[in-house]
């Protein structure tokens, strides 16, 4: 009996992030910017990051799409702020594991609100929606890494 209540709570959390996204907007002083689009459904986001002293100092996104893609990127940005850049890649990997049905990843408290999206793994066509923000994050991390090796 508790599971349907929990699912309803998770659905409410997803809709809350969709209707009132966190960290949505443009950043004037970003160090890296990545635009990602899901061609199969049209979801898109632009992710901007600013790093200071090895930590994500600020993160913003703009975009449009379904509730899953937009809520996931909103939740992701909340978790990123203040995190060491070196830890962010493993967070993206953990979320990807959860999207592919890993039950341990779905219980990982470090995932915060993102755990509400665990049920998406049962709908393979929607997994790409949930991963869109993390795909952009992985590309942003690559760009940050490339720029640090150029200096």
Protein backbone atom coordinates (compact mmCIF):
# COMPACT_ATOMS: atom_id res chain seq x y z
CA UNK A 1 0.00 0.00 0.00
CA UNK A 2 2.89 2.33 0.66
CA UNK A 3 4.35 2.03 -2.86
CA UNK A 4 1.43 3.77 -4.67
CA UNK A 5 1.65 6.65 -2.18
CA UNK A 6 5.39 6.89 -2.77
CA UNK A 7 4.89 6.83 -6.56
CA UNK A 8 2.33 9.62 -6.24
CA UNK A 9 4.76 11.65 -4.14
CA UNK A 10 7.48 11.12 -6.75
CA UNK A 11 5.12 12.20 -9.53
CA UNK A 12 4.29 15.35 -7.57
CA UNK A 13 8.00 16.09 -7.10
CA UNK A 14 8.66 15.68 -10.82
CA UNK A 15 5.77 18.00 -11.68
CA UNK A 16 6.96 20.53 -9.10
CA UNK A 17 10.42 20.68 -10.71
CA UNK A 18 8.83 20.88 -14.16
CA UNK A 19 6.49 23.73 -13.23
CA UNK A 20 8.99 25.56 -11.02
CA UNK A 21 12.43 24.64 -12.34
CA UNK A 22 15.45 25.43 -10.21
CA UNK A 23 18.44 27.25 -11.74
CA UNK A 24 16.64 27.97 -15.02
CA UNK A 25 17.95 30.99 -16.87
CA UNK A 26 21.02 32.36 -18.61
CA UNK A 27 24.43 32.84 -17.01
CA UNK A 28 26.57 35.76 -18.21
CA UNK A 29 29.89 34.45 -16.87
CA UNK A 30 29.79 30.74 -17.68
CA UNK A 31 33.03 28.95 -18.48
CA UNK A 32 31.39 26.23 -20.49
CA UNK A 33 28.14 25.96 -22.39
CA UNK A 34 26.64 22.87 -23.99
CA UNK A 35 23.51 22.54 -26.10
CA UNK A 36 21.87 19.11 -26.28
CA UNK A 37 18.81 18.00 -28.19
CA UNK A 38 16.96 14.70 -28.21
CA UNK A 39 16.09 14.30 -31.90
CA UNK A 40 13.53 11.57 -31.25
CA UNK A 41 11.24 13.82 -29.20
CA UNK A 42 12.51 17.39 -29.56
CA UNK A 43 13.55 17.93 -25.92
CA UNK A 44 16.44 20.36 -25.68
CA UNK A 45 18.55 22.09 -23.09
CA UNK A 46 21.45 24.46 -22.89
CA UNK A 47 23.60 23.85 -19.82
CA UNK A 48 26.03 26.45 -18.50
CA UNK A 49 28.65 25.91 -15.78
CA UNK A 50 31.04 28.12 -13.87
CA UNK A 51 33.78 26.47 -11.83
CA UNK A 52 35.78 28.12 -9.04
CA UNK A 53 38.49 26.44 -6.99
CA UNK A 54 37.64 23.02 -8.41
CA UNK A 55 33.94 23.23 -7.50
CA UNK A 56 30.77 23.96 -9.45
CA UNK A 57 30.17 27.56 -8.38
CA UNK A 58 27.08 28.05 -10.52
CA UNK A 59 25.00 26.11 -13.00
CA UNK A 60 22.10 27.26 -15.14
CA UNK A 61 20.00 25.79 -17.90
CA UNK A 62 17.46 26.85 -20.46
CA UNK A 63 15.38 24.63 -22.66
CA UNK A 64 12.10 23.04 -23.41
CA UNK A 65 10.67 19.59 -23.48
CA UNK A 66 8.70 17.04 -21.55
CA UNK A 67 8.28 17.02 -17.79
CA UNK A 68 10.86 14.23 -17.42
CA UNK A 69 13.70 16.02 -19.24
CA UNK A 70 13.07 19.40 -17.67
CA UNK A 71 12.51 18.09 -14.14
CA UNK A 72 15.63 15.91 -14.36
CA UNK A 73 17.87 18.81 -15.36
CA UNK A 74 16.33 21.00 -12.64
CA UNK A 75 17.03 18.32 -10.01
CA UNK A 76 20.52 17.79 -11.41
CA UNK A 77 21.45 21.46 -11.17
CA UNK A 78 20.43 21.54 -7.51
CA UNK A 79 22.80 18.69 -6.74
CA UNK A 80 25.68 20.14 -8.74
CA UNK A 81 26.11 23.47 -6.96
CA UNK A 82 29.10 23.39 -4.66
CA UNK A 83 30.19 19.89 -5.66
CA UNK A 84 33.84 19.21 -6.56
CA UNK A 85 34.17 18.85 -10.32
CA UNK A 86 36.01 15.56 -9.73
CA UNK A 87 32.88 14.08 -8.07
CA UNK A 88 30.35 15.22 -10.65
CA UNK A 89 31.22 12.59 -13.26
CA UNK A 90 30.55 9.76 -10.84
CA UNK A 91 27.18 11.33 -9.99
CA UNK A 92 26.31 11.31 -13.71
CA UNK A 93 27.40 7.67 -13.96
CA UNK A 94 25.26 6.76 -10.94
CA UNK A 95 22.20 8.43 -12.44
CA UNK A 96 22.77 6.59 -15.71
CA UNK A 97 22.95 3.31 -13.78
CA UNK A 98 19.63 4.17 -12.13
CA UNK A 99 18.07 4.92 -15.51
CA UNK A 100 19.12 1.47 -16.66
CA UNK A 101 17.34 -0.21 -13.75
CA UNK A 102 20.05 -0.45 -11.06
CA UNK A 103 18.05 -0.72 -7.83
CA UNK A 104 21.04 0.14 -5.62
CA UNK A 105 21.53 3.40 -7.51
CA UNK A 106 17.85 4.17 -7.02
CA UNK A 107 18.33 3.88 -3.23
CA UNK A 108 21.49 6.02 -3.15
CA UNK A 109 20.67 9.04 -0.97
CA UNK A 110 23.40 11.08 -2.68
CA UNK A 111 21.07 11.22 -5.70
CA UNK A 112 18.65 13.46 -3.79
CA UNK A 113 15.44 14.32 -5.64
CA UNK A 114 16.72 12.50 -8.73
CA UNK A 115 15.62 9.25 -7.08
CA UNK A 116 12.06 10.28 -7.93
CA UNK A 117 12.93 9.47 -11.55
CA UNK A 118 13.86 5.84 -10.88
CA UNK A 119 10.54 4.63 -12.29
CA UNK A 120 11.44 6.09 -15.68
CA UNK A 121 13.75 3.10 -16.17
CA UNK A 122 10.62 0.99 -16.83
CA UNK A 123 9.90 3.11 -19.93
CA UNK A 124 12.92 2.80 -22.25
CA UNK A 125 11.64 5.45 -24.65
CA UNK A 126 11.69 8.00 -21.78
CA UNK A 127 15.19 7.15 -20.49
CA UNK A 128 16.77 9.42 -23.11
CA UNK A 129 14.58 12.25 -21.83
CA UNK A 130 15.82 11.80 -18.27
CA UNK A 131 19.46 11.49 -19.40
CA UNK A 132 19.49 14.62 -21.57
CA UNK A 133 20.80 16.91 -18.83
CA UNK A 134 23.42 14.39 -17.77
CA UNK A 135 24.54 13.96 -21.36
CA UNK A 136 25.04 17.73 -21.47
CA UNK A 137 26.88 17.58 -18.15
CA UNK A 138 29.25 14.88 -19.42
CA UNK A 139 30.00 16.99 -22.51
CA UNK A 140 30.55 20.08 -20.31
CA UNK A 141 33.00 18.11 -18.16
CA UNK A 142 34.87 17.04 -21.31
CA UNK A 143 35.05 20.65 -22.46
CA UNK A 144 36.30 21.77 -19.03
CA UNK A 145 38.92 19.04 -19.11
CA UNK A 146 40.00 20.01 -22.62
CA UNK A 147 40.33 23.68 -21.67
CA UNK A 148 42.39 22.88 -18.57
CA UNK A 149 44.85 20.78 -20.58
CA UNK A 150 45.24 23.57 -23.13
CA UNK A 151 46.50 26.02 -20.50
